[in-house]
């Protein structure tokens, strides 16, 4: 459970202090890759709460989700179809499901 939280905190700190600006042409790609990565972090936290967390599964899922989401947006961009919204809905829905599970799990403990 420590690895996902630590990774999230390190990413937030590095992102807030780095002066990197993403060009508007790539904003969709980075935003959906970020959402997919956050989905993996919340999934990792959920797996940790269920005592089923595996580092290899988490790390591979983290990068695979981000790359797949960016590729999906790229292909939609090339085809002239806004697949950005499909990825946004899919990863957003999963992220909120995982967050709801975490909230219920924490409330049950207390």
PDB file of N, CA and C in Angstrom:
ATOM      1  N   UNK A   1       0.828  -1.188   0.000  1.00  0.00           N
ATOM      2  CA  UNK A   1       0.000   0.000   0.000  1.00  0.00           C
ATOM      3  C   UNK A   1       0.870   1.248   0.000  1.00  0.00           C
ATOM      4  N   UNK A   2       2.070   1.133   0.460  1.00  0.00           N
ATOM      5  CA  UNK A   2       2.968   2.284   0.538  1.00  0.00           C
ATOM      6  C   UNK A   2       3.416   2.732  -0.856  1.00  0.00           C
ATOM      7  N   UNK A   3       3.701   1.780  -1.755  1.00  0.00           N
ATOM      8  CA  UNK A   3       4.233   2.118  -3.080  1.00  0.00           C
ATOM      9  C   UNK A   3       3.293   3.018  -3.899  1.00  0.00           C
ATOM     10  N   UNK A   4       1.992   2.712  -4.002  1.00  0.00           N
ATOM     11  CA  UNK A   4       1.122   3.613  -4.781  1.00  0.00           C
ATOM     12  C   UNK A   4       1.011   5.012  -4.188  1.00  0.00           C
ATOM     13  N   UNK A   5       0.891   5.084  -2.880  1.00  0.00           N
ATOM     14  CA  UNK A   5       0.760   6.396  -2.232  1.00  0.00           C
ATOM     15  C   UNK A   5       2.054   7.190  -2.380  1.00  0.00           C
ATOM     16  N   UNK A   6       3.184   6.518  -2.184  1.00  0.00           N
ATOM     17  CA  UNK A   6       4.475   7.174  -2.332  1.00  0.00           C
ATOM     18  C   UNK A   6       4.680   7.667  -3.765  1.00  0.00           C
ATOM     19  N   UNK A   7       4.342   6.832  -4.736  1.00  0.00           N
ATOM     20  CA  UNK A   7       4.460   7.233  -6.138  1.00  0.00           C
ATOM     21  C   UNK A   7       3.582   8.424  -6.471  1.00  0.00           C
ATOM     22  N   UNK A   8       2.372   8.433  -5.938  1.00  0.00           N
ATOM     23  CA  UNK A   8       1.460   9.554  -6.169  1.00  0.00           C
ATOM     24  C   UNK A   8       2.012  10.832  -5.569  1.00  0.00           C
ATOM     25  N   UNK A   9       2.514  10.750  -4.341  1.00  0.00           N
ATOM     26  CA  UNK A   9       3.068  11.942  -3.691  1.00  0.00           C
ATOM     27  C   UNK A   9       4.311  12.464  -4.410  1.00  0.00           C
ATOM     28  N   UNK A  10       5.209  11.573  -4.789  1.00  0.00           N
ATOM     29  CA  UNK A  10       6.413  11.988  -5.515  1.00  0.00           C
ATOM     30  C   UNK A  10       6.028  12.633  -6.852  1.00  0.00           C
ATOM     31  N   UNK A  11       5.072  12.037  -7.547  1.00  0.00           N
ATOM     32  CA  UNK A  11       4.619  12.603  -8.816  1.00  0.00           C
ATOM     33  C   UNK A  11       3.988  13.973  -8.661  1.00  0.00           C
ATOM     34  N   UNK A  12       3.186  14.139  -7.626  1.00  0.00           N
ATOM     35  CA  UNK A  12       2.565  15.443  -7.386  1.00  0.00           C
ATOM     36  C   UNK A  12       3.605  16.506  -7.043  1.00  0.00           C
ATOM     37  N   UNK A  13       4.575  16.134  -6.222  1.00  0.00           N
ATOM     38  CA  UNK A  13       5.618  17.097  -5.850  1.00  0.00           C
ATOM     39  C   UNK A  13       6.467  17.466  -7.059  1.00  0.00           C
ATOM     40  N   UNK A  14       6.916  16.451  -7.815  1.00  0.00           N
ATOM     41  CA  UNK A  14       7.732  16.737  -8.999  1.00  0.00           C
ATOM     42  C   UNK A  14       6.957  17.546 -10.041  1.00  0.00           C
ATOM     43  N   UNK A  15       5.694  17.219 -10.216  1.00  0.00           N
ATOM     44  CA  UNK A  15       4.875  17.952 -11.178  1.00  0.00           C
ATOM     45  C   UNK A  15       4.630  19.394 -10.787  1.00  0.00           C
ATOM     46  N   UNK A  16       4.536  19.649  -9.495  1.00  0.00           N
ATOM     47  CA  UNK A  16       4.257  21.018  -9.060  1.00  0.00           C
ATOM     48  C   UNK A  16       5.502  21.905  -9.066  1.00  0.00           C
ATOM     49  N   UNK A  17       6.692  21.319  -8.919  1.00  0.00           N
ATOM     50  CA  UNK A  17       7.901  22.150  -8.901  1.00  0.00           C
ATOM     51  C   UNK A  17       8.624  22.207 -10.243  1.00  0.00           C
ATOM     52  N   UNK A  18       8.257  21.348 -11.177  1.00  0.00           N
ATOM     53  CA  UNK A  18       8.946  21.374 -12.474  1.00  0.00           C
ATOM     54  C   UNK A  18       8.296  22.401 -13.403  1.00  0.00           C
ATOM     55  N   UNK A  19       9.113  23.133 -14.150  1.00  0.00           N
ATOM     56  CA  UNK A  19       8.584  24.176 -15.030  1.00  0.00           C
ATOM     57  C   UNK A  19       8.235  23.665 -16.435  1.00  0.00           C
ATOM     58  N   UNK A  20       7.871  22.393 -16.555  1.00  0.00           N
ATOM     59  CA  UNK A  20       7.579  21.814 -17.863  1.00  0.00           C
ATOM     60  C   UNK A  20       6.181  22.230 -18.309  1.00  0.00           C
ATOM     61  N   UNK A  21       6.104  22.762 -19.520  1.00  0.00           N
ATOM     62  CA  UNK A  21       4.822  23.112 -20.112  1.00  0.00           C
ATOM     63  C   UNK A  21       4.533  22.142 -21.249  1.00  0.00           C
ATOM     64  N   UNK A  22       3.356  21.596 -21.260  1.00  0.00           N
ATOM     65  CA  UNK A  22       2.966  20.644 -22.298  1.00  0.00           C
ATOM     66  C   UNK A  22       2.279  21.414 -23.414  1.00  0.00           C
ATOM     67  N   UNK A  23       2.736  21.231 -24.662  1.00  0.00           N
ATOM     68  CA  UNK A  23       2.089  21.923 -25.782  1.00  0.00           C
ATOM     69  C   UNK A  23       0.619  21.523 -25.908  1.00  0.00           C
ATOM     70  N   UNK A  24      -0.187  22.440 -26.347  1.00  0.00           N
ATOM     71  CA  UNK A  24      -1.626  22.212 -26.451  1.00  0.00           C
ATOM     72  C   UNK A  24      -1.956  21.016 -27.352  1.00  0.00           C
ATOM     73  N   UNK A  25      -1.118  20.759 -28.347  1.00  0.00           N
ATOM     74  CA  UNK A  25      -1.374  19.645 -29.259  1.00  0.00           C
ATOM     75  C   UNK A  25      -1.289  18.297 -28.543  1.00  0.00           C
ATOM     76  N   UNK A  26      -0.520  18.227 -27.460  1.00  0.00           N
ATOM     77  CA  UNK A  26      -0.344  16.978 -26.730  1.00  0.00           C
ATOM     78  C   UNK A  26      -1.127  16.938 -25.425  1.00  0.00           C
ATOM     79  N   UNK A  27      -1.895  17.945 -25.145  1.00  0.00           N
ATOM     80  CA  UNK A  27      -2.614  18.029 -23.870  1.00  0.00           C
ATOM     81  C   UNK A  27      -3.582  16.862 -23.684  1.00  0.00           C
ATOM     82  N   UNK A  28      -4.287  16.457 -24.741  1.00  0.00           N
ATOM     83  CA  UNK A  28      -5.213  15.332 -24.635  1.00  0.00           C
ATOM     84  C   UNK A  28      -4.487  14.050 -24.265  1.00  0.00           C
ATOM     85  N   UNK A  29      -3.348  13.828 -24.911  1.00  0.00           N
ATOM     86  CA  UNK A  29      -2.595  12.600 -24.670  1.00  0.00           C
ATOM     87  C   UNK A  29      -2.119  12.516 -23.225  1.00  0.00           C
ATOM     88  N   UNK A  30      -1.557  13.600 -22.737  1.00  0.00           N
ATOM     89  CA  UNK A  30      -1.033  13.598 -21.378  1.00  0.00           C
ATOM     90  C   UNK A  30      -2.143  13.547 -20.337  1.00  0.00           C
ATOM     91  N   UNK A  31      -3.240  14.221 -20.606  1.00  0.00           N
ATOM     92  CA  UNK A  31      -4.322  14.223 -19.616  1.00  0.00           C
ATOM     93  C   UNK A  31      -4.955  12.840 -19.494  1.00  0.00           C
ATOM     94  N   UNK A  32      -5.149  12.155 -20.601  1.00  0.00           N
ATOM     95  CA  UNK A  32      -5.763  10.826 -20.525  1.00  0.00           C
ATOM     96  C   UNK A  32      -4.774   9.814 -19.975  1.00  0.00           C
ATOM     97  N   UNK A  33      -3.474   9.974 -20.270  1.00  0.00           N
ATOM     98  CA  UNK A  33      -2.462   9.086 -19.683  1.00  0.00           C
ATOM     99  C   UNK A  33      -2.390   9.305 -18.170  1.00  0.00           C
ATOM    100  N   UNK A  34      -2.524  10.533 -17.734  1.00  0.00           N
ATOM    101  CA  UNK A  34      -2.545  10.836 -16.297  1.00  0.00           C
ATOM    102  C   UNK A  34      -3.762  10.208 -15.631  1.00  0.00           C
ATOM    103  N   UNK A  35      -4.903  10.299 -16.270  1.00  0.00           N
ATOM    104  CA  UNK A  35      -6.116   9.707 -15.716  1.00  0.00           C
ATOM    105  C   UNK A  35      -5.979   8.186 -15.628  1.00  0.00           C
ATOM    106  N   UNK A  36      -5.401   7.571 -16.660  1.00  0.00           N
ATOM    107  CA  UNK A  36      -5.192   6.126 -16.637  1.00  0.00           C
ATOM    108  C   UNK A  36      -4.221   5.736 -15.532  1.00  0.00           C
ATOM    109  N   UNK A  37      -3.200   6.541 -15.329  1.00  0.00           N
ATOM    110  CA  UNK A  37      -2.241   6.267 -14.264  1.00  0.00           C
ATOM    111  C   UNK A  37      -2.883   6.409 -12.889  1.00  0.00           C
ATOM    112  N   UNK A  38      -3.703   7.426 -12.713  1.00  0.00           N
ATOM    113  CA  UNK A  38      -4.419   7.592 -11.442  1.00  0.00           C
ATOM    114  C   UNK A  38      -5.374   6.421 -11.194  1.00  0.00           C
ATOM    115  N   UNK A  39      -5.980   5.924 -12.258  1.00  0.00           N
ATOM    116  CA  UNK A  39      -6.833   4.748 -12.137  1.00  0.00           C
ATOM    117  C   UNK A  39      -6.021   3.567 -11.616  1.00  0.00           C
ATOM    118  N   UNK A  40      -4.806   3.417 -12.111  1.00  0.00           N
ATOM    119  CA  UNK A  40      -3.936   2.331 -11.636  1.00  0.00           C
ATOM    120  C   UNK A  40      -3.563   2.521 -10.175  1.00  0.00           C
ATOM    121  N   UNK A  41      -3.306   3.751  -9.770  1.00  0.00           N
ATOM    122  CA  UNK A  41      -2.957   4.017  -8.368  1.00  0.00           C
ATOM    123  C   UNK A  41      -4.127   3.654  -7.456  1.00  0.00           C
ATOM    124  N   UNK A  42      -5.323   4.077  -7.803  1.00  0.00           N
ATOM    125  CA  UNK A  42      -6.484   3.743  -6.981  1.00  0.00           C
ATOM    126  C   UNK A  42      -6.769   2.242  -7.008  1.00  0.00           C
ATOM    127  N   UNK A  43      -6.529   1.599  -8.168  1.00  0.00           N
ATOM    128  CA  UNK A  43      -6.659   0.142  -8.233  1.00  0.00           C
ATOM    129  C   UNK A  43      -5.638  -0.546  -7.345  1.00  0.00           C
ATOM    130  N   UNK A  44      -4.421   0.000  -7.292  1.00  0.00           N
ATOM    131  CA  UNK A  44      -3.393  -0.550  -6.411  1.00  0.00           C
ATOM    132  C   UNK A  44      -3.765  -0.400  -4.949  1.00  0.00           C
ATOM    133  N   UNK A  45      -4.323   0.733  -4.602  1.00  0.00           N
ATOM    134  CA  UNK A  45      -4.781   0.941  -3.220  1.00  0.00           C
ATOM    135  C   UNK A  45      -5.906  -0.031  -2.865  1.00  0.00           C
ATOM    136  N   UNK A  46      -6.797  -0.251  -3.824  1.00  0.00           N
ATOM    137  CA  UNK A  46      -7.893  -1.200  -3.590  1.00  0.00           C
ATOM    138  C   UNK A  46      -7.346  -2.609  -3.403  1.00  0.00           C
ATOM    139  N   UNK A  47      -6.384  -2.992  -4.239  1.00  0.00           N
ATOM    140  CA  UNK A  47      -5.781  -4.319  -4.103  1.00  0.00           C
ATOM    141  C   UNK A  47      -5.060  -4.453  -2.765  1.00  0.00           C
ATOM    142  N   UNK A  48      -4.431  -3.379  -2.322  1.00  0.00           N
ATOM    143  CA  UNK A  48      -3.747  -3.413  -1.024  1.00  0.00           C
ATOM    144  C   UNK A  48      -4.751  -3.583   0.111  1.00  0.00           C
ATOM    145  N   UNK A  49      -5.887  -2.933   0.008  1.00  0.00           N
ATOM    146  CA  UNK A  49      -6.924  -3.083   1.042  1.00  0.00           C
ATOM    147  C   UNK A  49      -7.462  -4.514   1.074  1.00  0.00           C
ATOM    148  N   UNK A  50      -7.500  -5.169  -0.102  1.00  0.00           N
ATOM    149  CA  UNK A  50      -7.955  -6.559  -0.185  1.00  0.00           C
ATOM    150  C   UNK A  50      -6.826  -7.549   0.076  1.00  0.00           C
ATOM    151  N   UNK A  51      -5.640  -7.013   0.383  1.00  0.00           N
ATOM    152  CA  UNK A  51      -4.435  -7.814   0.616  1.00  0.00           C
ATOM    153  C   UNK A  51      -4.076  -8.682  -0.582  1.00  0.00           C
ATOM    154  N   UNK A  52      -4.257  -8.140  -1.793  1.00  0.00           N
ATOM    155  CA  UNK A  52      -3.923  -8.828  -3.033  1.00  0.00           C
ATOM    156  C   UNK A  52      -2.956  -8.006  -3.877  1.00  0.00           C
ATOM    157  N   UNK A  53      -2.287  -7.042  -3.264  1.00  0.00           N
ATOM    158  CA  UNK A  53      -1.398  -6.151  -4.010  1.00  0.00           C
ATOM    159  C   UNK A  53      -0.157  -6.904  -4.473  1.00  0.00           C
ATOM    160  N   UNK A  54       0.222  -6.681  -5.744  1.00  0.00           N
ATOM    161  CA  UNK A  54       1.422  -7.277  -6.319  1.00  0.00           C
ATOM    162  C   UNK A  54       2.154  -6.174  -7.080  1.00  0.00           C
ATOM    163  N   UNK A  55       3.420  -5.941  -6.726  1.00  0.00           N
ATOM    164  CA  UNK A  55       4.195  -4.870  -7.358  1.00  0.00           C
ATOM    165  C   UNK A  55       4.273  -5.021  -8.873  1.00  0.00           C
ATOM    166  N   UNK A  56       4.519  -6.224  -9.350  1.00  0.00           N
ATOM    167  CA  UNK A  56       4.656  -6.447 -10.792  1.00  0.00           C
ATOM    168  C   UNK A  56       3.363  -6.119 -11.525  1.00  0.00           C
ATOM    169  N   UNK A  57       2.246  -6.533 -10.958  1.00  0.00           N
ATOM    170  CA  UNK A  57       0.945  -6.241 -11.573  1.00  0.00           C
ATOM    171  C   UNK A  57       0.686  -4.742 -11.560  1.00  0.00           C
ATOM    172  N   UNK A  58       0.996  -4.082 -10.443  1.00  0.00           N
ATOM    173  CA  UNK A  58       0.772  -2.645 -10.341  1.00  0.00           C
ATOM    174  C   UNK A  58       1.618  -1.863 -11.335  1.00  0.00           C
ATOM    175  N   UNK A  59       2.918  -2.139 -11.377  1.00  0.00           N
ATOM    176  CA  UNK A  59       3.818  -1.383 -12.245  1.00  0.00           C
ATOM    177  C   UNK A  59       3.502  -1.641 -13.716  1.00  0.00           C
ATOM    178  N   UNK A  60       3.264  -2.892 -14.080  1.00  0.00           N
ATOM    179  CA  UNK A  60       2.937  -3.184 -15.479  1.00  0.00           C
ATOM    180  C   UNK A  60       1.596  -2.566 -15.861  1.00  0.00           C
ATOM    181  N   UNK A  61       0.620  -2.625 -14.968  1.00  0.00           N
ATOM    182  CA  UNK A  61      -0.684  -2.018 -15.249  1.00  0.00           C
ATOM    183  C   UNK A  61      -0.610  -0.513 -15.353  1.00  0.00           C
ATOM    184  N   UNK A  62       0.220   0.089 -14.513  1.00  0.00           N
ATOM    185  CA  UNK A  62       0.393   1.536 -14.521  1.00  0.00           C
ATOM    186  C   UNK A  62       0.857   2.019 -15.898  1.00  0.00           C
ATOM    187  N   UNK A  63       1.936   1.415 -16.392  1.00  0.00           N
ATOM    188  CA  UNK A  63       2.482   1.849 -17.679  1.00  0.00           C
ATOM    189  C   UNK A  63       1.633   1.380 -18.855  1.00  0.00           C
ATOM    190  N   UNK A  64       1.083   0.181 -18.772  1.00  0.00           N
ATOM    191  CA  UNK A  64       0.243  -0.320 -19.856  1.00  0.00           C
ATOM    192  C   UNK A  64      -1.010   0.525 -20.016  1.00  0.00           C
ATOM    193  N   UNK A  65      -1.662   0.869 -18.905  1.00  0.00           N
ATOM    194  CA  UNK A  65      -2.861   1.707 -18.978  1.00  0.00           C
ATOM    195  C   UNK A  65      -2.551   3.075 -19.583  1.00  0.00           C
ATOM    196  N   UNK A  66      -1.454   3.682 -19.146  1.00  0.00           N
ATOM    197  CA  UNK A  66      -1.093   5.003 -19.654  1.00  0.00           C
ATOM    198  C   UNK A  66      -0.779   4.949 -21.146  1.00  0.00           C
ATOM    199  N   UNK A  67      -0.010   3.955 -21.575  1.00  0.00           N
ATOM    200  CA  UNK A  67       0.345   3.838 -22.996  1.00  0.00           C
ATOM    201  C   UNK A  67      -0.870   3.488 -23.850  1.00  0.00           C
ATOM    202  N   UNK A  68      -1.707   2.585 -23.365  1.00  0.00           N
ATOM    203  CA  UNK A  68      -2.899   2.223 -24.117  1.00  0.00           C
ATOM    204  C   UNK A  68      -3.841   3.412 -24.256  1.00  0.00           C
ATOM    205  N   UNK A  69      -4.005   4.167 -23.198  1.00  0.00           N
ATOM    206  CA  UNK A  69      -4.883   5.339 -23.256  1.00  0.00           C
ATOM    207  C   UNK A  69      -4.345   6.372 -24.240  1.00  0.00           C
ATOM    208  N   UNK A  70      -3.034   6.639 -24.195  1.00  0.00           N
ATOM    209  CA  UNK A  70      -2.444   7.601 -25.127  1.00  0.00           C
ATOM    210  C   UNK A  70      -2.564   7.099 -26.557  1.00  0.00           C
ATOM    211  N   UNK A  71      -2.360   5.809 -26.776  1.00  0.00           N
ATOM    212  CA  UNK A  71      -2.489   5.234 -28.125  1.00  0.00           C
ATOM    213  C   UNK A  71      -3.927   5.322 -28.618  1.00  0.00           C
ATOM    214  N   UNK A  72      -4.880   5.062 -27.739  1.00  0.00           N
ATOM    215  CA  UNK A  72      -6.295   5.156 -28.109  1.00  0.00           C
ATOM    216  C   UNK A  72      -6.651   6.578 -28.541  1.00  0.00           C
ATOM    217  N   UNK A  73      -6.168   7.553 -27.812  1.00  0.00           N
ATOM    218  CA  UNK A  73      -6.426   8.954 -28.167  1.00  0.00           C
ATOM    219  C   UNK A  73      -5.730   9.290 -29.486  1.00  0.00           C
ATOM    220  N   UNK A  74      -4.504   8.804 -29.667  1.00  0.00           N
ATOM    221  CA  UNK A  74      -3.771   9.053 -30.912  1.00  0.00           C
ATOM    222  C   UNK A  74      -4.506   8.463 -32.118  1.00  0.00           C
ATOM    223  N   UNK A  75      -4.951   7.221 -31.994  1.00  0.00           N
ATOM    224  CA  UNK A  75      -5.664   6.589 -33.107  1.00  0.00           C
ATOM    225  C   UNK A  75      -6.971   7.319 -33.402  1.00  0.00           C
ATOM    226  N   UNK A  76      -7.677   7.713 -32.370  1.00  0.00           N
ATOM    227  CA  UNK A  76      -8.897   8.476 -32.583  1.00  0.00           C
ATOM    228  C   UNK A  76      -8.627   9.805 -33.249  1.00  0.00           C
ATOM    229  N   UNK A  77      -7.524  10.438 -32.876  1.00  0.00           N
ATOM    230  CA  UNK A  77      -7.126  11.698 -33.492  1.00  0.00           C
ATOM    231  C   UNK A  77      -6.806  11.514 -34.970  1.00  0.00           C
ATOM    232  N   UNK A  78      -6.111  10.440 -35.292  1.00  0.00           N
ATOM    233  CA  UNK A  78      -5.751  10.158 -36.687  1.00  0.00           C
ATOM    234  C   UNK A  78      -6.971   9.826 -37.528  1.00  0.00           C
ATOM    235  N   UNK A  79      -7.959   9.155 -36.916  1.00  0.00           N
ATOM    236  CA  UNK A  79      -9.166   8.759 -37.633  1.00  0.00           C
ATOM    237  C   UNK A  79     -10.231   9.854 -37.645  1.00  0.00           C
ATOM    238  N   UNK A  80     -10.015  10.896 -36.874  1.00  0.00           N
ATOM    239  CA  UNK A  80     -10.991  11.977 -36.802  1.00  0.00           C
ATOM    240  C   UNK A  80     -12.167  11.662 -35.892  1.00  0.00           C
ATOM    241  N   UNK A  81     -11.959  10.719 -34.978  1.00  0.00           N
ATOM    242  CA  UNK A  81     -13.000  10.331 -34.030  1.00  0.00           C
ATOM    243  C   UNK A  81     -12.511  10.716 -32.639  1.00  0.00           C
ATOM    244  N   UNK A  82     -13.364  11.277 -31.829  1.00  0.00           N
ATOM    245  CA  UNK A  82     -12.959  11.680 -30.488  1.00  0.00           C
ATOM    246  C   UNK A  82     -13.006  10.507 -29.523  1.00  0.00           C
ATOM    247  N   UNK A  83     -12.045   9.591 -29.640  1.00  0.00           N
ATOM    248  CA  UNK A  83     -11.943   8.470 -28.705  1.00  0.00           C
ATOM    249  C   UNK A  83     -11.451   8.930 -27.340  1.00  0.00           C
ATOM    250  N   UNK A  84     -11.055  10.167 -27.251  1.00  0.00           N
ATOM    251  CA  UNK A  84     -10.639  10.776 -25.990  1.00  0.00           C
ATOM    252  C   UNK A  84     -11.744  10.631 -24.946  1.00  0.00           C
ATOM    253  N   UNK A  85     -12.971  10.832 -25.370  1.00  0.00           N
ATOM    254  CA  UNK A  85     -14.096  10.770 -24.439  1.00  0.00           C
ATOM    255  C   UNK A  85     -14.357   9.342 -23.961  1.00  0.00           C
ATOM    256  N   UNK A  86     -14.126   8.365 -24.841  1.00  0.00           N
ATOM    257  CA  UNK A  86     -14.309   6.967 -24.448  1.00  0.00           C
ATOM    258  C   UNK A  86     -13.322   6.608 -23.335  1.00  0.00           C
ATOM    259  N   UNK A  87     -12.050   6.962 -23.550  1.00  0.00           N
ATOM    260  CA  UNK A  87     -11.031   6.675 -22.539  1.00  0.00           C
ATOM    261  C   UNK A  87     -11.321   7.455 -21.262  1.00  0.00           C
ATOM    262  N   UNK A  88     -11.756   8.691 -21.395  1.00  0.00           N
ATOM    263  CA  UNK A  88     -12.088   9.517 -20.238  1.00  0.00           C
ATOM    264  C   UNK A  88     -13.198   8.878 -19.413  1.00  0.00           C
ATOM    265  N   UNK A  89     -14.236   8.414 -20.078  1.00  0.00           N
ATOM    266  CA  UNK A  89     -15.343   7.780 -19.363  1.00  0.00           C
ATOM    267  C   UNK A  89     -14.919   6.458 -18.731  1.00  0.00           C
ATOM    268  N   UNK A  90     -14.190   5.633 -19.478  1.00  0.00           N
ATOM    269  CA  UNK A  90     -13.798   4.312 -18.966  1.00  0.00           C
ATOM    270  C   UNK A  90     -12.889   4.437 -17.747  1.00  0.00           C
ATOM    271  N   UNK A  91     -11.829   5.214 -17.874  1.00  0.00           N
ATOM    272  CA  UNK A  91     -10.899   5.342 -16.755  1.00  0.00           C
ATOM    273  C   UNK A  91     -11.498   6.151 -15.612  1.00  0.00           C
ATOM    274  N   UNK A  92     -12.283   7.155 -15.929  1.00  0.00           N
ATOM    275  CA  UNK A  92     -12.936   7.931 -14.884  1.00  0.00           C
ATOM    276  C   UNK A  92     -13.913   7.081 -14.093  1.00  0.00           C
ATOM    277  N   UNK A  93     -14.676   6.259 -14.788  1.00  0.00           N
ATOM    278  CA  UNK A  93     -15.639   5.379 -14.123  1.00  0.00           C
ATOM    279  C   UNK A  93     -14.926   4.399 -13.200  1.00  0.00           C
ATOM    280  N   UNK A  94     -13.855   3.774 -13.697  1.00  0.00           N
ATOM    281  CA  UNK A  94     -13.102   2.822 -12.867  1.00  0.00           C
ATOM    282  C   UNK A  94     -12.450   3.507 -11.670  1.00  0.00           C
ATOM    283  N   UNK A  95     -11.944   4.702 -11.889  1.00  0.00           N
ATOM    284  CA  UNK A  95     -11.298   5.424 -10.807  1.00  0.00           C
ATOM    285  C   UNK A  95     -12.301   5.739  -9.697  1.00  0.00           C
ATOM    286  N   UNK A  96     -13.493   6.192 -10.066  1.00  0.00           N
ATOM    287  CA  UNK A  96     -14.503   6.503  -9.064  1.00  0.00           C
ATOM    288  C   UNK A  96     -15.032   5.243  -8.386  1.00  0.00           C
ATOM    289  N   UNK A  97     -15.073   4.121  -9.095  1.00  0.00           N
ATOM    290  CA  UNK A  97     -15.462   2.860  -8.466  1.00  0.00           C
ATOM    291  C   UNK A  97     -14.453   2.458  -7.398  1.00  0.00           C
ATOM    292  N   UNK A  98     -13.179   2.543  -7.752  1.00  0.00           N
ATOM    293  CA  UNK A  98     -12.130   2.199  -6.789  1.00  0.00           C
ATOM    294  C   UNK A  98     -12.139   3.148  -5.597  1.00  0.00           C
ATOM    295  N   UNK A  99     -12.344   4.419  -5.860  1.00  0.00           N
ATOM    296  CA  UNK A  99     -12.404   5.403  -4.781  1.00  0.00           C
ATOM    297  C   UNK A  99     -13.593   5.134  -3.856  1.00  0.00           C
ATOM    298  N   UNK A 100     -14.727   4.756  -4.427  1.00  0.00           N
ATOM    299  CA  UNK A 100     -15.908   4.432  -3.615  1.00  0.00           C
ATOM    300  C   UNK A 100     -15.640   3.203  -2.758  1.00  0.00           C
ATOM    301  N   UNK A 101     -14.957   2.200  -3.323  1.00  0.00           N
ATOM    302  CA  UNK A 101     -14.607   1.017  -2.540  1.00  0.00           C
ATOM    303  C   UNK A 101     -13.698   1.391  -1.374  1.00  0.00           C
ATOM    304  N   UNK A 102     -12.685   2.216  -1.643  1.00  0.00           N
ATOM    305  CA  UNK A 102     -11.757   2.635  -0.593  1.00  0.00           C
ATOM    306  C   UNK A 102     -12.478   3.400   0.512  1.00  0.00           C
ATOM    307  N   UNK A 103     -13.374   4.275   0.118  1.00  0.00           N
ATOM    308  CA  UNK A 103     -14.128   5.053   1.105  1.00  0.00           C
ATOM    309  C   UNK A 103     -14.973   4.136   1.983  1.00  0.00           C
ATOM    310  N   UNK A 104     -15.692   3.186   1.359  1.00  0.00           N
ATOM    311  CA  UNK A 104     -16.522   2.258   2.129  1.00  0.00           C
ATOM    312  C   UNK A 104     -15.671   1.379   3.046  1.00  0.00           C
ATOM    313  N   UNK A 105     -14.528   0.948   2.554  1.00  0.00           N
ATOM    314  CA  UNK A 105     -13.642   0.099   3.351  1.00  0.00           C
ATOM    315  C   UNK A 105     -13.120   0.852   4.577  1.00  0.00           C
ATOM    316  N   UNK A 106     -12.735   2.100   4.384  1.00  0.00           N
ATOM    317  CA  UNK A 106     -12.231   2.922   5.499  1.00  0.00           C
ATOM    318  C   UNK A 106     -13.337   3.210   6.497  1.00  0.00           C
ATOM    319  N   UNK A 107     -14.545   3.503   6.010  1.00  0.00           N
ATOM    320  CA  UNK A 107     -15.668   3.787   6.906  1.00  0.00           C
ATOM    321  C   UNK A 107     -16.061   2.554   7.719  1.00  0.00           C
ATOM    322  N   UNK A 108     -15.966   1.349   7.130  1.00  0.00           N
ATOM    323  CA  UNK A 108     -16.284   0.130   7.848  1.00  0.00           C
ATOM    324  C   UNK A 108     -15.295  -0.146   8.975  1.00  0.00           C
ATOM    325  N   UNK A 109     -14.026   0.215   8.739  1.00  0.00           N
ATOM    326  CA  UNK A 109     -13.009  -0.006   9.755  1.00  0.00           C
ATOM    327  C   UNK A 109     -13.227   0.899  10.960  1.00  0.00           C
ATOM    328  N   UNK A 110     -13.747   2.081  10.732  1.00  0.00           N
ATOM    329  CA  UNK A 110     -13.926   3.050  11.822  1.00  0.00           C
ATOM    330  C   UNK A 110     -15.366   3.051  12.208  1.00  0.00           C
TER     331      UNK A 110
END
